[in-house]
Amino acid sequence: MPLLTSSYRAPFYLFNGHLETVVPSLFRKITNVTYTRARLELPDGDFLDLDWLRQQSPQLVIISHGLEGSSERHYCKGMARYFFQQGWDTLAWNCRSCSGEMNRLPRFYHHGATEDLGAVVDHALAKGYHHVALVGISMGGSMTLKYLGERAANLSPAIRVAATFSVPCHLGASAAALDKSANRFYLKRFLQKLGKKIRAKEKMFPGTISATGFEDIRTFREFDNRYTAPLHGFRHADDFYERASCMPHLPKINVPTLLVNARNDPFLPEACYPVELVKGNPLVSLEIPLRGGHTGFTQHTLAATNYMEQSAFDFCMSAIKNG
């Protein structure tokens, strides 16, 4: 595994991991991106909404968003805009319940739901693209890495490269980090968003899903024990963390893959920097910038291209050129 030296430098006004995380999340606006939406019907009766930028390119990037994100998040739109400007088609897909319309089934989505990413990839491959790159941010990165490892033996040769950022490689450790008092701000925001969806699901599936007592949930572990695990076929939170994590799949990845996790990411404890685990895999390149926060990586101004976008594109082009 190549351990890359990072060239990222944070702007002076973002002087800690929390500012580097929160400021772009709240204030970065991406303009000149107008998606075309298409709905992908799934075999289980549910659907995924796909947002495209097309220009008849033979190359496509598929972008996967983070927890309670969507294709509209700044990091997705920024990534889509940058690749599109370089001549690629782009597809930013929305996990179940994340497109602005509630999905049809009791289940939602989760870090290990590679069956949905697989459905998106298969749908895109059927359109005849010559080169496909996968880009995942945060939860989307976790899903991307797990997908690549799981499908390594049968991966389409059109999938040439992947780039991932701010990835909670060890779900249990990351959940515990977010439960700490210093990160209560993030946890509270996630639970507020998830609570709205649980209450909507309660109306759709009374007797199956209950929001009673949701306001008493104080940790991700409590949420995952009560909702994530039973709704998605896991025994409990620990079973979910073990089976949905991408960590065990990293050694199996067999396409050039970039993993960038900032050292000051407030979401990521030490277990999420898998230096030892992937040392034996020369196709996984790990970069650990000292700065960057979680899905931040601002370079000059919030409106400018950020480090994730440039790094992803440069890595993808290099892998395709040398592949």
C-alpha atoms as a PDB file:
ATOM      1  CA  MET A   1       0.000   0.000   0.000  1.00  0.00           C
ATOM      2  CA  PRO A   2       1.429   3.362  -0.972  1.00  0.00           C
ATOM      3  CA  LEU A   3       1.285   5.808   1.939  1.00  0.00           C
ATOM      4  CA  LEU A   4       1.007   9.120   0.147  1.00  0.00           C
ATOM      5  CA  THR A   5       2.515  12.413   1.249  1.00  0.00           C
ATOM      6  CA  SER A   6      -0.239  14.991   1.327  1.00  0.00           C
ATOM      7  CA  SER A   7       0.054  18.427  -0.250  1.00  0.00           C
ATOM      8  CA  TYR A   8      -3.143  19.735   1.352  1.00  0.00           C
ATOM      9  CA  ARG A   9      -2.945  22.991   3.262  1.00  0.00           C
ATOM     10  CA  ALA A  10      -5.982  24.436   5.017  1.00  0.00           C
ATOM     11  CA  PRO A  11      -6.732  28.191   4.718  1.00  0.00           C
ATOM     12  CA  PHE A  12      -5.690  30.219   7.743  1.00  0.00           C
ATOM     13  CA  TYR A  13      -9.236  31.093   8.795  1.00  0.00           C
ATOM     14  CA  LEU A  14     -10.184  27.435   9.265  1.00  0.00           C
ATOM     15  CA  PHE A  15      -7.815  26.671  12.106  1.00  0.00           C
ATOM     16  CA  ASN A  16      -9.202  23.456  13.599  1.00  0.00           C
ATOM     17  CA  GLY A  17     -11.020  20.295  12.560  1.00  0.00           C
ATOM     18  CA  HIS A  18     -14.438  21.519  13.682  1.00  0.00           C
ATOM     19  CA  LEU A  19     -14.264  24.727  11.654  1.00  0.00           C
ATOM     20  CA  GLU A  20     -12.914  22.809   8.661  1.00  0.00           C
ATOM     21  CA  THR A  21     -15.939  20.506   8.934  1.00  0.00           C
ATOM     22  CA  VAL A  22     -18.754  22.904   9.788  1.00  0.00           C
ATOM     23  CA  VAL A  23     -17.989  26.019   7.722  1.00  0.00           C
ATOM     24  CA  PRO A  24     -18.073  24.365   4.248  1.00  0.00           C
ATOM     25  CA  SER A  25     -21.032  22.226   5.308  1.00  0.00           C
ATOM     26  CA  LEU A  26     -23.092  25.287   6.203  1.00  0.00           C
ATOM     27  CA  PHE A  27     -21.817  27.914   3.808  1.00  0.00           C
ATOM     28  CA  ARG A  28     -20.266  26.385   0.685  1.00  0.00           C
ATOM     29  CA  LYS A  29     -22.584  26.896  -2.291  1.00  0.00           C
ATOM     30  CA  ILE A  30     -22.053  25.147  -5.627  1.00  0.00           C
ATOM     31  CA  THR A  31     -23.512  26.915  -8.648  1.00  0.00           C
ATOM     32  CA  ASN A  32     -23.930  25.980 -12.303  1.00  0.00           C
ATOM     33  CA  VAL A  33     -25.005  22.411 -11.566  1.00  0.00           C
ATOM     34  CA  THR A  34     -28.413  21.408 -12.955  1.00  0.00           C
ATOM     35  CA  TYR A  35     -29.028  17.704 -12.631  1.00  0.00           C
ATOM     36  CA  THR A  36     -31.369  15.606 -14.726  1.00  0.00           C
ATOM     37  CA  ARG A  37     -33.172  13.207 -12.399  1.00  0.00           C
ATOM     38  CA  ALA A  38     -34.110   9.633 -13.244  1.00  0.00           C
ATOM     39  CA  ARG A  39     -35.727   7.009 -11.033  1.00  0.00           C
ATOM     40  CA  LEU A  40     -34.278   3.526 -10.763  1.00  0.00           C
ATOM     41  CA  GLU A  41     -36.852   0.933  -9.726  1.00  0.00           C
ATOM     42  CA  LEU A  42     -35.417  -1.826  -7.540  1.00  0.00           C
ATOM     43  CA  PRO A  43     -36.332  -5.534  -7.498  1.00  0.00           C
ATOM     44  CA  ASP A  44     -37.689  -5.285  -3.940  1.00  0.00           C
ATOM     45  CA  GLY A  45     -40.280  -2.686  -4.954  1.00  0.00           C
ATOM     46  CA  ASP A  46     -38.343   0.341  -3.718  1.00  0.00           C
ATOM     47  CA  PHE A  47     -36.552   3.003  -5.767  1.00  0.00           C
ATOM     48  CA  LEU A  48     -33.430   5.145  -5.966  1.00  0.00           C
ATOM     49  CA  ASP A  49     -33.305   8.625  -7.469  1.00  0.00           C
ATOM     50  CA  LEU A  50     -30.305   9.271  -9.715  1.00  0.00           C
ATOM     51  CA  ASP A  51     -29.076  12.744 -10.636  1.00  0.00           C
ATOM     52  CA  TRP A  52     -27.131  12.998 -13.888  1.00  0.00           C
ATOM     53  CA  LEU A  53     -24.929  15.467 -15.738  1.00  0.00           C
ATOM     54  CA  ARG A  54     -24.473  14.124 -19.271  1.00  0.00           C
ATOM     55  CA  GLN A  55     -22.453  15.197 -22.291  1.00  0.00           C
ATOM     56  CA  GLN A  56     -22.125  11.927 -24.242  1.00  0.00           C
ATOM     57  CA  SER A  57     -18.782  11.124 -22.622  1.00  0.00           C
ATOM     58  CA  PRO A  58     -17.416   7.567 -22.629  1.00  0.00           C
ATOM     59  CA  GLN A  59     -16.268   8.171 -19.043  1.00  0.00           C
ATOM     60  CA  LEU A  60     -18.545   8.273 -16.000  1.00  0.00           C
ATOM     61  CA  VAL A  61     -18.012   9.039 -12.335  1.00  0.00           C
ATOM     62  CA  ILE A  62     -20.543   7.657  -9.821  1.00  0.00           C
ATOM     63  CA  ILE A  63     -20.691   9.732  -6.620  1.00  0.00           C
ATOM     64  CA  SER A  64     -22.002   8.351  -3.305  1.00  0.00           C
ATOM     65  CA  HIS A  65     -22.987  10.732  -0.496  1.00  0.00           C
ATOM     66  CA  GLY A  66     -22.674  10.567   3.280  1.00  0.00           C
ATOM     67  CA  LEU A  67     -25.049   9.875   6.170  1.00  0.00           C
ATOM     68  CA  GLU A  68     -28.212  11.988   5.849  1.00  0.00           C
ATOM     69  CA  GLY A  69     -26.705  13.622   2.791  1.00  0.00           C
ATOM     70  CA  SER A  70     -27.887  13.667  -0.795  1.00  0.00           C
ATOM     71  CA  SER A  71     -26.756  14.569  -4.298  1.00  0.00           C
ATOM     72  CA  GLU A  72     -27.389  18.202  -3.301  1.00  0.00           C
ATOM     73  CA  ARG A  73     -24.667  18.314  -0.647  1.00  0.00           C
ATOM     74  CA  HIS A  74     -21.806  20.652  -1.469  1.00  0.00           C
ATOM     75  CA  TYR A  75     -19.285  17.835  -1.697  1.00  0.00           C
ATOM     76  CA  CYS A  76     -21.426  15.905  -4.213  1.00  0.00           C
ATOM     77  CA  LYS A  77     -22.277  18.881  -6.385  1.00  0.00           C
ATOM     78  CA  GLY A  78     -18.693  20.137  -6.259  1.00  0.00           C
ATOM     79  CA  MET A  79     -17.383  16.724  -7.303  1.00  0.00           C
ATOM     80  CA  ALA A  80     -19.983  16.412 -10.073  1.00  0.00           C
ATOM     81  CA  ARG A  81     -19.241  19.896 -11.376  1.00  0.00           C
ATOM     82  CA  TYR A  82     -15.488  19.354 -11.447  1.00  0.00           C
ATOM     83  CA  PHE A  83     -15.598  16.027 -13.298  1.00  0.00           C
ATOM     84  CA  PHE A  84     -18.202  17.387 -15.720  1.00  0.00           C
ATOM     85  CA  GLN A  85     -16.015  20.404 -16.471  1.00  0.00           C
ATOM     86  CA  GLN A  86     -13.206  17.986 -17.336  1.00  0.00           C
ATOM     87  CA  GLY A  87     -15.382  16.201 -19.896  1.00  0.00           C
ATOM     88  CA  TRP A  88     -16.891  13.344 -17.859  1.00  0.00           C
ATOM     89  CA  ASP A  89     -20.508  12.334 -17.397  1.00  0.00           C
ATOM     90  CA  THR A  90     -21.450  12.301 -13.724  1.00  0.00           C
ATOM     91  CA  LEU A  91     -24.036  10.409 -11.695  1.00  0.00           C
ATOM     92  CA  ALA A  92     -24.744  11.432  -8.107  1.00  0.00           C
ATOM     93  CA  TRP A  93     -27.201   8.976  -6.610  1.00  0.00           C
ATOM     94  CA  ASN A  94     -29.404   9.316  -3.559  1.00  0.00           C
ATOM     95  CA  CYS A  95     -29.745   6.591  -0.946  1.00  0.00           C
ATOM     96  CA  ARG A  96     -33.233   5.435  -0.022  1.00  0.00           C
ATOM     97  CA  SER A  97     -35.160   8.268   1.703  1.00  0.00           C
ATOM     98  CA  CYS A  98     -32.491  10.877   0.822  1.00  0.00           C
ATOM     99  CA  SER A  99     -33.768  12.340  -2.460  1.00  0.00           C
ATOM    100  CA  GLY A 100     -36.552  14.465  -0.972  1.00  0.00           C
ATOM    101  CA  GLU A 101     -39.162  11.713  -1.242  1.00  0.00           C
ATOM    102  CA  MET A 102     -39.536   8.968   1.348  1.00  0.00           C
ATOM    103  CA  ASN A 103     -38.803   5.475   0.086  1.00  0.00           C
ATOM    104  CA  ARG A 104     -41.549   2.859   0.003  1.00  0.00           C
ATOM    105  CA  LEU A 105     -40.293   0.162   2.375  1.00  0.00           C
ATOM    106  CA  PRO A 106     -39.739   0.127   6.157  1.00  0.00           C
ATOM    107  CA  ARG A 107     -35.979  -0.096   5.622  1.00  0.00           C
ATOM    108  CA  PHE A 108     -33.757   2.918   4.976  1.00  0.00           C
ATOM    109  CA  TYR A 109     -30.082   2.761   3.996  1.00  0.00           C
ATOM    110  CA  HIS A 110     -26.837   2.161   5.872  1.00  0.00           C
ATOM    111  CA  HIS A 111     -23.041   2.152   5.497  1.00  0.00           C
ATOM    112  CA  GLY A 112     -22.935  -1.422   4.268  1.00  0.00           C
ATOM    113  CA  ALA A 113     -25.846  -1.309   1.797  1.00  0.00           C
ATOM    114  CA  THR A 114     -23.727  -2.267  -1.195  1.00  0.00           C
ATOM    115  CA  GLU A 115     -26.691  -3.904  -2.902  1.00  0.00           C
ATOM    116  CA  ASP A 116     -28.017  -0.430  -3.680  1.00  0.00           C
ATOM    117  CA  LEU A 117     -24.678   0.863  -4.941  1.00  0.00           C
ATOM    118  CA  GLY A 118     -24.456  -2.318  -7.006  1.00  0.00           C
ATOM    119  CA  ALA A 119     -27.851  -1.620  -8.577  1.00  0.00           C
ATOM    120  CA  VAL A 120     -26.711   1.902  -9.507  1.00  0.00           C
ATOM    121  CA  VAL A 121     -23.428   0.650 -10.968  1.00  0.00           C
ATOM    122  CA  ASP A 122     -25.140  -2.089 -12.997  1.00  0.00           C
ATOM    123  CA  HIS A 123     -27.670   0.422 -14.333  1.00  0.00           C
ATOM    124  CA  ALA A 124     -24.869   2.766 -15.398  1.00  0.00           C
ATOM    125  CA  LEU A 125     -22.733   0.028 -16.934  1.00  0.00           C
ATOM    126  CA  ALA A 126     -25.658  -0.998 -19.147  1.00  0.00           C
ATOM    127  CA  LYS A 127     -25.343   2.388 -20.855  1.00  0.00           C
ATOM    128  CA  GLY A 128     -22.000   1.352 -22.325  1.00  0.00           C
ATOM    129  CA  TYR A 129     -19.469   3.573 -20.577  1.00  0.00           C
ATOM    130  CA  HIS A 130     -15.848   2.654 -21.343  1.00  0.00           C
ATOM    131  CA  HIS A 131     -14.378   3.869 -18.050  1.00  0.00           C
ATOM    132  CA  VAL A 132     -16.245   4.155 -14.746  1.00  0.00           C
ATOM    133  CA  ALA A 133     -14.832   5.715 -11.580  1.00  0.00           C
ATOM    134  CA  LEU A 134     -16.429   5.407  -8.153  1.00  0.00           C
ATOM    135  CA  VAL A 135     -16.141   8.325  -5.735  1.00  0.00           C
ATOM    136  CA  GLY A 136     -17.491   8.065  -2.191  1.00  0.00           C
ATOM    137  CA  ILE A 137     -17.536  10.600   0.611  1.00  0.00           C
ATOM    138  CA  SER A 138     -17.938   9.637   4.294  1.00  0.00           C
ATOM    139  CA  MET A 139     -20.616   6.905   4.417  1.00  0.00           C
ATOM    140  CA  GLY A 140     -20.516   6.811   0.625  1.00  0.00           C
ATOM    141  CA  GLY A 141     -16.802   6.062   0.844  1.00  0.00           C
ATOM    142  CA  SER A 142     -17.449   3.247   3.287  1.00  0.00           C
ATOM    143  CA  MET A 143     -20.043   1.783   0.939  1.00  0.00           C
ATOM    144  CA  THR A 144     -17.715   2.162  -2.063  1.00  0.00           C
ATOM    145  CA  LEU A 145     -14.778   0.408  -0.399  1.00  0.00           C
ATOM    146  CA  LYS A 146     -16.961  -2.442   0.850  1.00  0.00           C
ATOM    147  CA  TYR A 147     -18.492  -2.846  -2.605  1.00  0.00           C
ATOM    148  CA  LEU A 148     -15.076  -3.046  -4.268  1.00  0.00           C
ATOM    149  CA  GLY A 149     -13.851  -5.659  -1.820  1.00  0.00           C
ATOM    150  CA  GLU A 150     -16.994  -7.764  -1.951  1.00  0.00           C
ATOM    151  CA  ARG A 151     -17.156  -7.736  -5.761  1.00  0.00           C
ATOM    152  CA  ALA A 152     -13.425  -8.045  -6.385  1.00  0.00           C
ATOM    153  CA  ALA A 153     -13.680 -11.439  -8.071  1.00  0.00           C
ATOM    154  CA  ASN A 154     -16.500 -10.348 -10.393  1.00  0.00           C
ATOM    155  CA  LEU A 155     -15.959  -6.625 -10.792  1.00  0.00           C
ATOM    156  CA  SER A 156     -16.736  -5.249 -14.235  1.00  0.00           C
ATOM    157  CA  PRO A 157     -13.544  -4.357 -16.135  1.00  0.00           C
ATOM    158  CA  ALA A 158     -15.161  -1.008 -16.933  1.00  0.00           C
ATOM    159  CA  ILE A 159     -14.765  -0.006 -13.273  1.00  0.00           C
ATOM    160  CA  ARG A 160     -11.221   1.244 -13.411  1.00  0.00           C
ATOM    161  CA  VAL A 161     -10.610   3.304 -10.280  1.00  0.00           C
ATOM    162  CA  ALA A 162     -12.074   4.661  -7.023  1.00  0.00           C
ATOM    163  CA  ALA A 163     -11.447   7.604  -4.709  1.00  0.00           C
ATOM    164  CA  THR A 164     -12.851   7.945  -1.194  1.00  0.00           C
ATOM    165  CA  PHE A 165     -12.689  10.645   1.460  1.00  0.00           C
ATOM    166  CA  SER A 166     -13.440  11.008   5.194  1.00  0.00           C
ATOM    167  CA  VAL A 167     -14.317   7.333   5.501  1.00  0.00           C
ATOM    168  CA  PRO A 168     -15.406   5.778   8.843  1.00  0.00           C
ATOM    169  CA  CYS A 169     -13.596   2.532   8.064  1.00  0.00           C
ATOM    170  CA  HIS A 170     -14.381   1.125  11.522  1.00  0.00           C
ATOM    171  CA  LEU A 171     -18.074   1.840  12.150  1.00  0.00           C
ATOM    172  CA  GLY A 172     -18.129   0.940  15.836  1.00  0.00           C
ATOM    173  CA  ALA A 173     -15.190   3.180  16.653  1.00  0.00           C
ATOM    174  CA  SER A 174     -16.580   6.051  14.595  1.00  0.00           C
ATOM    175  CA  ALA A 175     -19.994   5.790  16.263  1.00  0.00           C
ATOM    176  CA  ALA A 176     -18.300   5.879  19.670  1.00  0.00           C
ATOM    177  CA  ALA A 177     -16.313   8.959  18.632  1.00  0.00           C
ATOM    178  CA  LEU A 178     -19.484  10.796  17.641  1.00  0.00           C
ATOM    179  CA  ASP A 179     -21.036   9.901  20.995  1.00  0.00           C
ATOM    180  CA  LYS A 180     -18.332  11.854  22.838  1.00  0.00           C
ATOM    181  CA  SER A 181     -19.253  15.205  24.370  1.00  0.00           C
ATOM    182  CA  ALA A 182     -16.943  17.139  22.026  1.00  0.00           C
ATOM    183  CA  ASN A 183     -18.966  15.869  19.061  1.00  0.00           C
ATOM    184  CA  ARG A 184     -22.479  16.244  20.480  1.00  0.00           C
ATOM    185  CA  PHE A 185     -23.184  19.005  17.954  1.00  0.00           C
ATOM    186  CA  TYR A 186     -22.849  16.561  15.047  1.00  0.00           C
ATOM    187  CA  LEU A 187     -24.720  13.776  16.799  1.00  0.00           C
ATOM    188  CA  LYS A 188     -27.627  16.087  17.625  1.00  0.00           C
ATOM    189  CA  ARG A 189     -27.929  17.231  14.005  1.00  0.00           C
ATOM    190  CA  PHE A 190     -27.888  13.653  12.700  1.00  0.00           C
ATOM    191  CA  LEU A 191     -30.505  12.526  15.216  1.00  0.00           C
ATOM    192  CA  GLN A 192     -32.764  15.482  14.388  1.00  0.00           C
ATOM    193  CA  LYS A 193     -32.756  14.530  10.717  1.00  0.00           C
ATOM    194  CA  LEU A 194     -33.159  10.814  11.397  1.00  0.00           C
ATOM    195  CA  GLY A 195     -35.954  11.501  13.875  1.00  0.00           C
ATOM    196  CA  LYS A 196     -38.019  13.255  11.196  1.00  0.00           C
ATOM    197  CA  LYS A 197     -37.697  10.204   8.974  1.00  0.00           C
ATOM    198  CA  ILE A 198     -38.583   7.796  11.779  1.00  0.00           C
ATOM    199  CA  ARG A 199     -41.742   9.783  12.499  1.00  0.00           C
ATOM    200  CA  ALA A 200     -42.638   9.727   8.786  1.00  0.00           C
ATOM    201  CA  LYS A 201     -42.045   5.979   8.682  1.00  0.00           C
ATOM    202  CA  GLU A 202     -44.243   5.491  11.754  1.00  0.00           C
ATOM    203  CA  LYS A 203     -47.156   6.976   9.791  1.00  0.00           C
ATOM    204  CA  MET A 204     -46.402   4.732   6.816  1.00  0.00           C
ATOM    205  CA  PHE A 205     -45.902   1.557   8.854  1.00  0.00           C
ATOM    206  CA  PRO A 206     -47.793   1.801  12.163  1.00  0.00           C
ATOM    207  CA  GLY A 207     -47.050  -1.185  14.328  1.00  0.00           C
ATOM    208  CA  THR A 208     -43.769  -1.847  12.509  1.00  0.00           C
ATOM    209  CA  ILE A 209     -41.894   1.355  13.286  1.00  0.00           C
ATOM    210  CA  SER A 210     -42.495   3.466  16.376  1.00  0.00           C
ATOM    211  CA  ALA A 211     -41.107   6.906  17.133  1.00  0.00           C
ATOM    212  CA  THR A 212     -42.291   6.777  20.734  1.00  0.00           C
ATOM    213  CA  GLY A 213     -39.400   7.692  22.992  1.00  0.00           C
ATOM    214  CA  PHE A 214     -37.137   8.727  20.109  1.00  0.00           C
ATOM    215  CA  GLU A 215     -36.334  11.946  21.956  1.00  0.00           C
ATOM    216  CA  ASP A 216     -34.678   9.851  24.665  1.00  0.00           C
ATOM    217  CA  ILE A 217     -32.029   8.501  22.269  1.00  0.00           C
ATOM    218  CA  ARG A 218     -28.674  10.013  23.162  1.00  0.00           C
ATOM    219  CA  THR A 219     -26.129   7.964  21.205  1.00  0.00           C
ATOM    220  CA  PHE A 220     -25.658   6.393  17.793  1.00  0.00           C
ATOM    221  CA  ARG A 221     -25.440   3.005  19.466  1.00  0.00           C
ATOM    222  CA  GLU A 222     -28.932   3.479  20.889  1.00  0.00           C
ATOM    223  CA  PHE A 223     -30.267   4.526  17.478  1.00  0.00           C
ATOM    224  CA  ASP A 224     -28.556   1.632  15.714  1.00  0.00           C
ATOM    225  CA  ASN A 225     -29.799  -0.881  18.285  1.00  0.00           C
ATOM    226  CA  ARG A 226     -33.377   0.331  18.030  1.00  0.00           C
ATOM    227  CA  TYR A 227     -33.657   1.098  14.310  1.00  0.00           C
ATOM    228  CA  THR A 228     -30.687   0.422  12.013  1.00  0.00           C
ATOM    229  CA  ALA A 229     -30.062  -3.143  13.119  1.00  0.00           C
ATOM    230  CA  PRO A 230     -33.618  -4.580  13.156  1.00  0.00           C
ATOM    231  CA  LEU A 231     -34.745  -2.735  10.015  1.00  0.00           C
ATOM    232  CA  HIS A 232     -31.810  -4.051   7.984  1.00  0.00           C
ATOM    233  CA  GLY A 233     -31.395  -7.619   9.197  1.00  0.00           C
ATOM    234  CA  PHE A 234     -28.741  -7.222  11.901  1.00  0.00           C
ATOM    235  CA  ARG A 235     -29.030  -8.671  15.398  1.00  0.00           C
ATOM    236  CA  HIS A 236     -27.934  -5.507  17.202  1.00  0.00           C
ATOM    237  CA  ALA A 237     -25.653  -2.496  16.821  1.00  0.00           C
ATOM    238  CA  ASP A 238     -22.432  -4.460  17.287  1.00  0.00           C
ATOM    239  CA  ASP A 239     -23.501  -6.951  14.625  1.00  0.00           C
ATOM    240  CA  PHE A 240     -24.240  -4.039  12.297  1.00  0.00           C
ATOM    241  CA  TYR A 241     -20.881  -2.369  13.006  1.00  0.00           C
ATOM    242  CA  GLU A 242     -18.998  -5.596  12.341  1.00  0.00           C
ATOM    243  CA  ARG A 243     -20.805  -6.715   9.201  1.00  0.00           C
ATOM    244  CA  ALA A 244     -21.348  -3.315   7.571  1.00  0.00           C
ATOM    245  CA  SER A 245     -17.825  -1.910   8.042  1.00  0.00           C
ATOM    246  CA  CYS A 246     -15.585  -1.658   5.015  1.00  0.00           C
ATOM    247  CA  MET A 247     -12.440  -2.445   7.027  1.00  0.00           C
ATOM    248  CA  PRO A 248     -12.295  -6.231   6.401  1.00  0.00           C
ATOM    249  CA  HIS A 249     -12.726  -5.685   2.666  1.00  0.00           C
ATOM    250  CA  LEU A 250      -9.801  -3.342   2.065  1.00  0.00           C
ATOM    251  CA  PRO A 251      -7.187  -6.073   1.451  1.00  0.00           C
ATOM    252  CA  LYS A 252      -9.353  -7.591  -1.299  1.00  0.00           C
ATOM    253  CA  ILE A 253      -9.718  -4.460  -3.443  1.00  0.00           C
ATOM    254  CA  ASN A 254      -8.171  -5.031  -6.874  1.00  0.00           C
ATOM    255  CA  VAL A 255      -8.517  -1.692  -8.668  1.00  0.00           C
ATOM    256  CA  PRO A 256      -6.494   1.466  -7.944  1.00  0.00           C
ATOM    257  CA  THR A 257      -8.206   3.092  -4.979  1.00  0.00           C
ATOM    258  CA  LEU A 258      -7.494   6.278  -3.058  1.00  0.00           C
ATOM    259  CA  LEU A 259      -8.445   6.688   0.617  1.00  0.00           C
ATOM    260  CA  VAL A 260      -8.001  10.169   2.129  1.00  0.00           C
ATOM    261  CA  ASN A 261      -8.753  10.625   5.846  1.00  0.00           C
ATOM    262  CA  ALA A 262      -7.672  13.837   7.541  1.00  0.00           C
ATOM    263  CA  ARG A 263      -5.867  13.382  10.855  1.00  0.00           C
ATOM    264  CA  ASN A 264      -8.017  16.092  12.500  1.00  0.00           C
ATOM    265  CA  ASP A 265     -11.350  14.645  11.332  1.00  0.00           C
ATOM    266  CA  PRO A 266     -13.630  14.813  14.407  1.00  0.00           C
ATOM    267  CA  PHE A 267     -15.629  11.811  13.171  1.00  0.00           C
ATOM    268  CA  LEU A 268     -12.651   9.472  12.867  1.00  0.00           C
ATOM    269  CA  PRO A 269     -10.777   7.840  15.761  1.00  0.00           C
ATOM    270  CA  GLU A 270      -7.462   6.031  15.326  1.00  0.00           C
ATOM    271  CA  ALA A 271      -9.135   2.798  14.178  1.00  0.00           C
ATOM    272  CA  CYS A 272     -10.280   4.570  10.998  1.00  0.00           C
ATOM    273  CA  TYR A 273      -6.733   5.010   9.673  1.00  0.00           C
ATOM    274  CA  PRO A 274      -6.021   1.471   8.418  1.00  0.00           C
ATOM    275  CA  VAL A 275      -2.290   1.760   7.794  1.00  0.00           C
ATOM    276  CA  GLU A 276      -1.375  -1.750   8.931  1.00  0.00           C
ATOM    277  CA  LEU A 277      -4.384  -3.539   7.478  1.00  0.00           C
ATOM    278  CA  VAL A 278      -3.814  -2.561   3.866  1.00  0.00           C
ATOM    279  CA  LYS A 279      -0.027  -2.540   3.779  1.00  0.00           C
ATOM    280  CA  GLY A 280      -0.105  -5.679   1.694  1.00  0.00           C
ATOM    281  CA  ASN A 281      -2.380  -4.226  -0.982  1.00  0.00           C
ATOM    282  CA  PRO A 282      -0.401  -2.112  -3.481  1.00  0.00           C
ATOM    283  CA  LEU A 283      -3.602  -0.950  -5.164  1.00  0.00           C
ATOM    284  CA  VAL A 284      -4.895   0.995  -2.154  1.00  0.00           C
ATOM    285  CA  SER A 285      -3.260   4.378  -1.661  1.00  0.00           C
ATOM    286  CA  LEU A 286      -3.747   5.923   1.782  1.00  0.00           C
ATOM    287  CA  GLU A 287      -3.331   9.644   2.343  1.00  0.00           C
ATOM    288  CA  ILE A 288      -3.565  11.164   5.835  1.00  0.00           C
ATOM    289  CA  PRO A 289      -3.388  14.969   5.655  1.00  0.00           C
ATOM    290  CA  LEU A 290      -2.883  16.663   9.008  1.00  0.00           C
ATOM    291  CA  ARG A 291      -5.811  18.986   8.227  1.00  0.00           C
ATOM    292  CA  GLY A 292      -9.090  18.812   6.347  1.00  0.00           C
ATOM    293  CA  GLY A 293     -11.780  18.047   8.904  1.00  0.00           C
ATOM    294  CA  HIS A 294     -14.674  15.831   7.823  1.00  0.00           C
ATOM    295  CA  THR A 295     -15.601  16.276   4.143  1.00  0.00           C
ATOM    296  CA  GLY A 296     -14.096  19.765   4.267  1.00  0.00           C
ATOM    297  CA  PHE A 297     -10.716  20.131   2.538  1.00  0.00           C
ATOM    298  CA  THR A 298     -11.287  23.777   1.628  1.00  0.00           C
ATOM    299  CA  GLN A 299      -8.340  25.176  -0.348  1.00  0.00           C
ATOM    300  CA  HIS A 300      -8.655  28.936  -0.806  1.00  0.00           C
ATOM    301  CA  THR A 301     -12.261  30.081  -0.628  1.00  0.00           C
ATOM    302  CA  LEU A 302     -15.450  28.121  -0.123  1.00  0.00           C
ATOM    303  CA  ALA A 303     -16.478  28.686  -3.723  1.00  0.00           C
ATOM    304  CA  ALA A 304     -13.240  27.347  -5.165  1.00  0.00           C
ATOM    305  CA  THR A 305     -12.534  23.784  -6.185  1.00  0.00           C
ATOM    306  CA  ASN A 306     -11.607  21.861  -3.062  1.00  0.00           C
ATOM    307  CA  TYR A 307      -8.890  19.311  -2.453  1.00  0.00           C
ATOM    308  CA  MET A 308     -11.226  16.315  -2.683  1.00  0.00           C
ATOM    309  CA  GLU A 309     -12.319  17.217  -6.189  1.00  0.00           C
ATOM    310  CA  GLN A 310      -8.847  17.772  -7.558  1.00  0.00           C
ATOM    311  CA  SER A 311      -7.391  14.722  -5.803  1.00  0.00           C
ATOM    312  CA  ALA A 312     -10.174  12.444  -6.998  1.00  0.00           C
ATOM    313  CA  PHE A 313      -9.895  13.584 -10.594  1.00  0.00           C
ATOM    314  CA  ASP A 314      -6.102  13.499 -10.714  1.00  0.00           C
ATOM    315  CA  PHE A 315      -6.000  10.027  -9.163  1.00  0.00           C
ATOM    316  CA  CYS A 316      -8.658   8.710 -11.543  1.00  0.00           C
ATOM    317  CA  MET A 317      -6.944  10.068 -14.631  1.00  0.00           C
ATOM    318  CA  SER A 318      -3.579   8.683 -13.555  1.00  0.00           C
ATOM    319  CA  ALA A 319      -5.023   5.229 -12.907  1.00  0.00           C
ATOM    320  CA  ILE A 320      -6.803   5.131 -16.270  1.00  0.00           C
ATOM    321  CA  LYS A 321      -3.734   6.392 -18.118  1.00  0.00           C
ATOM    322  CA  ASN A 322      -1.425   3.860 -16.472  1.00  0.00           C
ATOM    323  CA  GLY A 323      -3.907   0.994 -16.383  1.00  0.00           C
END
